[in-house]
C-alpha atoms as a PDB file:
ATOM      1  CA  LEU A   1     -71.471  50.639 -85.737  1.00  0.00           C
ATOM      2  CA  LYS A   2     -73.333  49.784 -82.545  1.00  0.00           C
ATOM      3  CA  GLN A   3     -73.308  46.078 -83.426  1.00  0.00           C
ATOM      4  CA  GLN A   4     -69.518  46.216 -83.719  1.00  0.00           C
ATOM      5  CA  GLY A   5     -69.082  48.260 -80.521  1.00  0.00           C
ATOM      6  CA  VAL A   6     -67.766  51.303 -82.369  1.00  0.00           C
ATOM      7  CA  SER A   7     -68.609  54.844 -81.270  1.00  0.00           C
ATOM      8  CA  GLN A   8     -69.408  57.155 -84.161  1.00  0.00           C
ATOM      9  CA  SER A   9     -67.502  60.428 -84.216  1.00  0.00           C
ATOM     10  CA  MET A  10     -69.751  63.356 -85.009  1.00  0.00           C
ATOM     11  CA  SER A  11     -68.643  66.967 -85.205  1.00  0.00           C
ATOM     12  CA  ARG A  12     -70.740  70.073 -85.736  1.00  0.00           C
ATOM     13  CA  LYS A  13     -72.332  70.579 -89.145  1.00  0.00           C
ATOM     14  CA  GLY A  14     -69.796  71.942 -91.605  1.00  0.00           C
ATOM     15  CA  ASN A  15     -66.819  71.073 -89.384  1.00  0.00           C
ATOM     16  CA  CYS A  16     -65.026  68.288 -91.232  1.00  0.00           C
ATOM     17  CA  LEU A  17     -61.492  68.858 -89.914  1.00  0.00           C
ATOM     18  CA  ASP A  18     -61.545  65.592 -87.978  1.00  0.00           C
ATOM     19  CA  ASN A  19     -62.068  63.763 -91.283  1.00  0.00           C
ATOM     20  CA  ALA A  20     -59.356  65.575 -93.257  1.00  0.00           C
ATOM     21  CA  VAL A  21     -56.551  63.101 -92.544  1.00  0.00           C
ATOM     22  CA  ILE A  22     -58.505  59.988 -93.487  1.00  0.00           C
ATOM     23  CA  GLU A  23     -60.081  61.696 -96.510  1.00  0.00           C
ATOM     24  CA  ASN A  24     -56.572  62.523 -97.734  1.00  0.00           C
ATOM     25  CA  PHE A  25     -55.435  58.932 -97.166  1.00  0.00           C
ATOM     26  CA  PHE A  26     -58.393  57.485 -99.088  1.00  0.00           C
ATOM     27  CA  GLY A  27     -57.785  59.920-101.945  1.00  0.00           C
ATOM     28  CA  LEU A  28     -54.181  58.769-102.200  1.00  0.00           C
ATOM     29  CA  LEU A  29     -55.195  55.121-101.866  1.00  0.00           C
ATOM     30  CA  LYS A  30     -57.596  55.461-104.775  1.00  0.00           C
ATOM     31  CA  SER A  31     -55.157  57.263-107.060  1.00  0.00           C
ATOM     32  CA  GLU A  32     -52.086  55.177-106.167  1.00  0.00           C
ATOM     33  CA  LEU A  33     -53.696  51.725-105.968  1.00  0.00           C
ATOM     34  CA  LEU A  34     -57.368  51.371-106.804  1.00  0.00           C
ATOM     35  CA  TYR A  35     -57.550  53.261-110.097  1.00  0.00           C
ATOM     36  CA  ILE A  36     -54.319  51.903-111.593  1.00  0.00           C
ATOM     37  CA  GLN A  37     -54.720  48.205-110.933  1.00  0.00           C
ATOM     38  CA  GLU A  38     -57.278  45.508-111.669  1.00  0.00           C
ATOM     39  CA  PHE A  39     -57.917  42.885-109.014  1.00  0.00           C
ATOM     40  CA  GLU A  40     -58.675  39.259-109.732  1.00  0.00           C
ATOM     41  CA  SER A  41     -60.580  38.734-106.493  1.00  0.00           C
ATOM     42  CA  MET A  42     -61.268  40.197-103.074  1.00  0.00           C
ATOM     43  CA  VAL A  43     -58.355  38.134-101.719  1.00  0.00           C
ATOM     44  CA  HIS A  44     -56.057  39.715-104.302  1.00  0.00           C
ATOM     45  CA  PHE A  45     -57.359  43.194-103.406  1.00  0.00           C
ATOM     46  CA  LYS A  46     -56.810  42.612 -99.676  1.00  0.00           C
ATOM     47  CA  HIS A  47     -53.257  41.436-100.326  1.00  0.00           C
ATOM     48  CA  GLU A  48     -52.466  44.488-102.460  1.00  0.00           C
ATOM     49  CA  LEU A  49     -54.084  46.752 -99.853  1.00  0.00           C
ATOM     50  CA  GLU A  50     -51.850  45.312 -97.129  1.00  0.00           C
ATOM     51  CA  LEU A  51     -48.799  45.899 -99.334  1.00  0.00           C
ATOM     52  CA  TYR A  52     -49.925  49.481-100.022  1.00  0.00           C
ATOM     53  CA  ILE A  53     -50.417  50.266 -96.331  1.00  0.00           C
ATOM     54  CA  GLU A  54     -46.956  48.867 -95.586  1.00  0.00           C
ATOM     55  CA  TYR A  55     -45.525  51.043 -98.384  1.00  0.00           C
ATOM     56  CA  TYR A  56     -47.481  54.115 -97.233  1.00  0.00           C
ATOM     57  CA  ASN A  57     -46.283  53.856 -93.636  1.00  0.00           C
ATOM     58  CA  HIS A  58     -42.705  52.684 -94.130  1.00  0.00           C
ATOM     59  CA  LYS A  59     -41.425  53.743 -97.567  1.00  0.00           C
ATOM     60  CA  ARG A  60     -43.509  56.590 -99.025  1.00  0.00           C
ATOM     61  CA  ILE A  61     -41.754  59.843 -98.220  1.00  0.00           C
ATOM     62  CA  LYS A  62     -43.726  62.989 -97.423  1.00  0.00           C
ATOM     63  CA  GLY A  63     -42.484  66.535 -97.917  1.00  0.00           C
ATOM     64  CA  LYS A  64     -44.437  67.711 -94.874  1.00  0.00           C
ATOM     65  CA  LEU A  65     -42.539  65.155 -92.787  1.00  0.00           C
ATOM     66  CA  ARG A  66     -39.149  66.514 -93.906  1.00  0.00           C
ATOM     67  CA  GLY A  67     -38.694  63.854 -96.567  1.00  0.00           C
ATOM     68  CA  LEU A  68     -39.331  60.941 -94.202  1.00  0.00           C
ATOM     69  CA  SER A  69     -41.953  58.219 -94.159  1.00  0.00           C
ATOM     70  CA  PRO A  70     -44.582  58.425 -91.384  1.00  0.00           C
ATOM     71  CA  VAL A  71     -42.836  55.692 -89.363  1.00  0.00           C
ATOM     72  CA  GLN A  72     -39.392  57.275 -89.800  1.00  0.00           C
ATOM     73  CA  TYR A  73     -40.795  60.628 -88.692  1.00  0.00           C
ATOM     74  CA  ARG A  74     -42.374  59.152 -85.545  1.00  0.00           C
ATOM     75  CA  ILE A  75     -39.191  57.269 -84.654  1.00  0.00           C
ATOM     76  CA  GLN A  76     -37.134  60.433 -85.151  1.00  0.00           C
ATOM     77  CA  SER A  77     -39.395  62.403 -82.809  1.00  0.00           C
ATOM     78  CA  PHE A  78     -39.065  59.733 -80.102  1.00  0.00           C
ATOM     79  CA  ILE A  79     -35.264  59.724 -80.402  1.00  0.00           C
ATOM     80  CA  ALA A  80     -35.107  63.526 -80.117  1.00  0.00           C
ATOM     81  CA  VAL A  81     -36.878  63.495 -76.740  1.00  0.00           C
END
């Protein structure tokens, strides 16, 4: 991390709440992309990953976000202000 200029985030032992969002995302990524598809190469995987992230942010609806995608939800909150 230091070589890349990234600061590591460390919370107290047993306090993993700051990781909950990304852990959830990686769980979904594995079950919705990684485990159901075979990749011909790393290039193919990267392409499919980019498509998945686009889908996740712009098209995948979430019940917790009132049936909107993450981007739609953020746009809606900006319009309401």
